[in-house]
Amino acid sequence: MSHVLVGIIGVIMFVGLAIAGANYYGGSVTGAKVDAQAADYLNQSGQIARAIEAYENDNGKPPVDGSGTQTVQVLVDSGYMSETPPGGRSAWAWDSSAKALLAVAGANDTEGLRVCIAARKRAAMPNPSQVKACDGSGGKLSKADPCCLK
């Protein structure tokens, strides 16, 4: 009888410790995932920025063809990139006034917004939690801005 009681107590302790560990480490695991996604996004945007620079040096203009083709697709079609990097949670967007390549983070997309804020922190943007709107209504986007809200 005592062996059964010791076994039950052991199972209860194991479950309790598992729940406590998940509560304690859960936030840091989620935060590490967001930081990794932000670093991956900034790496991809850096590759695209170098391809844009090479295109502009060779052609004297940014890779915008006026037909609505995405900038990254123009780079791939022209041979400046072998494939389109996957980007964030949406397609890459070119802001011609800021001459910036941005990932669009939806205002209702909590994880996308967290990744955007983490990317802005890694890019050393002032006020990283104040993500600007893609249409410029929240203030002018800068060339260093990695993402915007749609």
C-alpha atoms as a PDB file:
ATOM      1  CA  MET A   1       0.000   0.000   0.000  1.00  0.00           C
ATOM      2  CA  SER A   2       2.807   2.418   0.806  1.00  0.00           C
ATOM      3  CA  HIS A   3       4.403   1.772  -2.598  1.00  0.00           C
ATOM      4  CA  VAL A   4       1.204   2.875  -4.345  1.00  0.00           C
ATOM      5  CA  LEU A   5       1.045   6.016  -2.210  1.00  0.00           C
ATOM      6  CA  VAL A   6       4.703   6.866  -2.969  1.00  0.00           C
ATOM      7  CA  GLY A   7       4.004   6.300  -6.680  1.00  0.00           C
ATOM      8  CA  ILE A   8       0.988   8.631  -6.666  1.00  0.00           C
ATOM      9  CA  ILE A   9       2.951  11.320  -4.815  1.00  0.00           C
ATOM     10  CA  GLY A  10       5.791  10.939  -7.338  1.00  0.00           C
ATOM     11  CA  VAL A  11       3.422  11.395 -10.305  1.00  0.00           C
ATOM     12  CA  ILE A  12       1.831  14.468  -8.692  1.00  0.00           C
ATOM     13  CA  MET A  13       5.271  15.990  -8.044  1.00  0.00           C
ATOM     14  CA  PHE A  14       6.377  15.257 -11.610  1.00  0.00           C
ATOM     15  CA  VAL A  15       3.271  16.924 -13.100  1.00  0.00           C
ATOM     16  CA  GLY A  16       3.642  19.890 -10.743  1.00  0.00           C
ATOM     17  CA  LEU A  17       7.301  20.391 -11.659  1.00  0.00           C
ATOM     18  CA  ALA A  18       6.513  20.074 -15.367  1.00  0.00           C
ATOM     19  CA  ILE A  19       3.849  22.792 -15.122  1.00  0.00           C
ATOM     20  CA  ALA A  20       6.156  25.030 -13.064  1.00  0.00           C
ATOM     21  CA  GLY A  21       8.971  24.580 -15.591  1.00  0.00           C
ATOM     22  CA  ALA A  22       6.677  25.411 -18.520  1.00  0.00           C
ATOM     23  CA  ASN A  23       5.518  28.589 -16.769  1.00  0.00           C
ATOM     24  CA  TYR A  24       9.060  29.596 -15.881  1.00  0.00           C
ATOM     25  CA  TYR A  25      10.774  28.867 -19.221  1.00  0.00           C
ATOM     26  CA  GLY A  26       7.843  29.346 -21.626  1.00  0.00           C
ATOM     27  CA  GLY A  27       8.347  33.088 -22.093  1.00  0.00           C
ATOM     28  CA  SER A  28      12.064  32.830 -22.737  1.00  0.00           C
ATOM     29  CA  VAL A  29      11.554  30.109 -25.362  1.00  0.00           C
ATOM     30  CA  THR A  30       8.906  32.213 -27.139  1.00  0.00           C
ATOM     31  CA  GLY A  31      11.133  35.303 -26.934  1.00  0.00           C
ATOM     32  CA  ALA A  32      14.062  33.397 -28.415  1.00  0.00           C
ATOM     33  CA  LYS A  33      11.872  32.268 -31.319  1.00  0.00           C
ATOM     34  CA  VAL A  34      10.811  35.857 -32.046  1.00  0.00           C
ATOM     35  CA  ASP A  35      14.445  37.045 -31.868  1.00  0.00           C
ATOM     36  CA  ALA A  36      15.529  34.284 -34.251  1.00  0.00           C
ATOM     37  CA  GLN A  37      12.776  35.208 -36.720  1.00  0.00           C
ATOM     38  CA  ALA A  38      13.777  38.881 -36.516  1.00  0.00           C
ATOM     39  CA  ALA A  39      17.459  38.040 -37.122  1.00  0.00           C
ATOM     40  CA  ASP A  40      16.522  35.819 -40.082  1.00  0.00           C
ATOM     41  CA  TYR A  41      14.319  38.567 -41.517  1.00  0.00           C
ATOM     42  CA  LEU A  42      17.085  41.192 -41.183  1.00  0.00           C
ATOM     43  CA  ASN A  43      19.569  38.817 -42.843  1.00  0.00           C
ATOM     44  CA  GLN A  44      17.197  38.322 -45.788  1.00  0.00           C
ATOM     45  CA  SER A  45      16.500  42.033 -46.112  1.00  0.00           C
ATOM     46  CA  GLY A  46      20.267  42.678 -46.091  1.00  0.00           C
ATOM     47  CA  GLN A  47      20.702  40.248 -49.003  1.00  0.00           C
ATOM     48  CA  ILE A  48      17.944  42.010 -50.909  1.00  0.00           C
ATOM     49  CA  ALA A  49      19.426  45.440 -50.124  1.00  0.00           C
ATOM     50  CA  ARG A  50      22.783  44.352 -51.594  1.00  0.00           C
ATOM     51  CA  ALA A  51      21.019  43.068 -54.721  1.00  0.00           C
ATOM     52  CA  ILE A  52      19.105  46.373 -55.041  1.00  0.00           C
ATOM     53  CA  GLU A  53      22.370  48.296 -54.725  1.00  0.00           C
ATOM     54  CA  ALA A  54      23.989  46.171 -57.450  1.00  0.00           C
ATOM     55  CA  TYR A  55      20.925  46.621 -59.704  1.00  0.00           C
ATOM     56  CA  GLU A  56      20.956  50.408 -59.181  1.00  0.00           C
ATOM     57  CA  ASN A  57      24.710  50.573 -59.898  1.00  0.00           C
ATOM     58  CA  ASP A  58      24.274  48.634 -63.154  1.00  0.00           C
ATOM     59  CA  ASN A  59      20.988  50.186 -64.345  1.00  0.00           C
ATOM     60  CA  GLY A  60      20.969  53.672 -62.799  1.00  0.00           C
ATOM     61  CA  LYS A  61      17.518  53.211 -61.237  1.00  0.00           C
ATOM     62  CA  PRO A  62      15.830  51.148 -58.523  1.00  0.00           C
ATOM     63  CA  PRO A  63      14.378  47.764 -59.527  1.00  0.00           C
ATOM     64  CA  VAL A  64      10.805  48.969 -60.015  1.00  0.00           C
ATOM     65  CA  ASP A  65       9.339  48.293 -63.443  1.00  0.00           C
ATOM     66  CA  GLY A  66       6.088  50.243 -63.056  1.00  0.00           C
ATOM     67  CA  SER A  67       3.885  47.264 -63.908  1.00  0.00           C
ATOM     68  CA  GLY A  68       3.232  46.352 -60.287  1.00  0.00           C
ATOM     69  CA  THR A  69       5.813  43.557 -60.279  1.00  0.00           C
ATOM     70  CA  GLN A  70       7.334  43.162 -56.834  1.00  0.00           C
ATOM     71  CA  THR A  71      10.855  44.562 -56.516  1.00  0.00           C
ATOM     72  CA  VAL A  72      12.268  41.231 -55.398  1.00  0.00           C
ATOM     73  CA  GLN A  73      10.766  39.477 -58.437  1.00  0.00           C
ATOM     74  CA  VAL A  74      12.440  42.060 -60.704  1.00  0.00           C
ATOM     75  CA  LEU A  75      15.758  41.204 -59.008  1.00  0.00           C
ATOM     76  CA  VAL A  76      15.192  37.473 -59.508  1.00  0.00           C
ATOM     77  CA  ASP A  77      14.124  37.931 -63.155  1.00  0.00           C
ATOM     78  CA  SER A  78      17.191  40.105 -63.813  1.00  0.00           C
ATOM     79  CA  GLY A  79      19.565  37.557 -62.273  1.00  0.00           C
ATOM     80  CA  TYR A  80      20.604  39.629 -59.255  1.00  0.00           C
ATOM     81  CA  MET A  81      19.113  36.999 -56.938  1.00  0.00           C
ATOM     82  CA  SER A  82      18.663  33.283 -57.523  1.00  0.00           C
ATOM     83  CA  GLU A  83      15.378  33.075 -55.599  1.00  0.00           C
ATOM     84  CA  THR A  84      13.032  35.172 -53.516  1.00  0.00           C
ATOM     85  CA  PRO A  85      13.832  34.981 -49.790  1.00  0.00           C
ATOM     86  CA  PRO A  86      10.753  33.865 -47.862  1.00  0.00           C
ATOM     87  CA  GLY A  87      10.566  37.122 -45.878  1.00  0.00           C
ATOM     88  CA  GLY A  88       8.266  37.661 -42.973  1.00  0.00           C
ATOM     89  CA  ARG A  89       4.589  36.802 -42.846  1.00  0.00           C
ATOM     90  CA  SER A  90       3.843  38.642 -46.106  1.00  0.00           C
ATOM     91  CA  ALA A  91       5.480  39.588 -49.396  1.00  0.00           C
ATOM     92  CA  TRP A  92       8.257  42.161 -49.443  1.00  0.00           C
ATOM     93  CA  ALA A  93       6.969  45.681 -50.176  1.00  0.00           C
ATOM     94  CA  TRP A  94       8.958  48.488 -51.841  1.00  0.00           C
ATOM     95  CA  ASP A  95       8.409  52.024 -50.514  1.00  0.00           C
ATOM     96  CA  SER A  96       9.617  54.313 -53.297  1.00  0.00           C
ATOM     97  CA  SER A  97       9.534  57.515 -51.219  1.00  0.00           C
ATOM     98  CA  ALA A  98      11.751  56.042 -48.501  1.00  0.00           C
ATOM     99  CA  LYS A  99      13.600  53.802 -50.989  1.00  0.00           C
ATOM    100  CA  ALA A 100      13.111  51.024 -48.475  1.00  0.00           C
ATOM    101  CA  LEU A 101      12.171  47.376 -48.665  1.00  0.00           C
ATOM    102  CA  LEU A 102       9.694  46.466 -45.957  1.00  0.00           C
ATOM    103  CA  ALA A 103       7.867  43.460 -44.596  1.00  0.00           C
ATOM    104  CA  VAL A 104       4.221  44.156 -43.888  1.00  0.00           C
ATOM    105  CA  ALA A 105       3.092  43.222 -40.383  1.00  0.00           C
ATOM    106  CA  GLY A 106      -0.661  43.082 -39.902  1.00  0.00           C
ATOM    107  CA  ALA A 107      -2.018  45.178 -37.047  1.00  0.00           C
ATOM    108  CA  ASN A 108      -4.113  42.198 -35.918  1.00  0.00           C
ATOM    109  CA  ASP A 109      -1.216  39.747 -36.254  1.00  0.00           C
ATOM    110  CA  THR A 110       0.283  39.631 -32.761  1.00  0.00           C
ATOM    111  CA  GLU A 111       3.227  37.361 -33.614  1.00  0.00           C
ATOM    112  CA  GLY A 112       4.056  39.311 -36.786  1.00  0.00           C
ATOM    113  CA  LEU A 113       3.997  42.548 -34.824  1.00  0.00           C
ATOM    114  CA  ARG A 114       6.299  41.061 -32.145  1.00  0.00           C
ATOM    115  CA  VAL A 115       8.756  39.985 -34.851  1.00  0.00           C
ATOM    116  CA  CYS A 116       8.550  43.456 -36.423  1.00  0.00           C
ATOM    117  CA  ILE A 117       9.286  45.142 -33.076  1.00  0.00           C
ATOM    118  CA  ALA A 118      12.198  42.745 -32.445  1.00  0.00           C
ATOM    119  CA  ALA A 119      13.550  43.511 -35.939  1.00  0.00           C
ATOM    120  CA  ARG A 120      13.257  47.257 -35.272  1.00  0.00           C
ATOM    121  CA  LYS A 121      15.195  46.776 -31.994  1.00  0.00           C
ATOM    122  CA  ARG A 122      17.932  44.803 -33.797  1.00  0.00           C
ATOM    123  CA  ALA A 123      18.089  47.530 -36.469  1.00  0.00           C
ATOM    124  CA  ALA A 124      18.569  50.122 -33.684  1.00  0.00           C
ATOM    125  CA  MET A 125      15.468  52.078 -34.706  1.00  0.00           C
ATOM    126  CA  PRO A 126      14.346  54.848 -32.341  1.00  0.00           C
ATOM    127  CA  ASN A 127      11.146  53.873 -30.494  1.00  0.00           C
ATOM    128  CA  PRO A 128      11.094  50.305 -31.854  1.00  0.00           C
ATOM    129  CA  SER A 129       7.604  49.576 -30.529  1.00  0.00           C
ATOM    130  CA  GLN A 130       6.124  52.448 -32.567  1.00  0.00           C
ATOM    131  CA  VAL A 131       5.728  50.644 -35.891  1.00  0.00           C
ATOM    132  CA  LYS A 132       4.665  53.054 -38.648  1.00  0.00           C
ATOM    133  CA  ALA A 133       1.883  52.491 -41.156  1.00  0.00           C
ATOM    134  CA  CYS A 134       2.850  51.350 -44.671  1.00  0.00           C
ATOM    135  CA  ASP A 135       0.838  54.189 -46.220  1.00  0.00           C
ATOM    136  CA  GLY A 136       2.848  56.804 -44.286  1.00  0.00           C
ATOM    137  CA  SER A 137      -0.128  57.946 -42.198  1.00  0.00           C
ATOM    138  CA  GLY A 138       1.767  57.232 -38.960  1.00  0.00           C
ATOM    139  CA  GLY A 139       4.837  59.205 -40.040  1.00  0.00           C
ATOM    140  CA  LYS A 140       7.385  58.960 -42.819  1.00  0.00           C
ATOM    141  CA  LEU A 141       9.132  55.601 -43.146  1.00  0.00           C
ATOM    142  CA  SER A 142      12.915  55.653 -43.116  1.00  0.00           C
ATOM    143  CA  LYS A 143      15.266  53.620 -45.278  1.00  0.00           C
ATOM    144  CA  ALA A 144      16.379  51.652 -42.198  1.00  0.00           C
ATOM    145  CA  ASP A 145      12.794  50.737 -41.206  1.00  0.00           C
ATOM    146  CA  PRO A 146      12.496  46.942 -41.562  1.00  0.00           C
ATOM    147  CA  CYS A 147       8.704  46.651 -41.434  1.00  0.00           C
ATOM    148  CA  CYS A 148       5.423  48.543 -41.432  1.00  0.00           C
ATOM    149  CA  LEU A 149       1.771  48.041 -40.490  1.00  0.00           C
ATOM    150  CA  LYS A 150      -0.898  47.491 -43.117  1.00  0.00           C
END
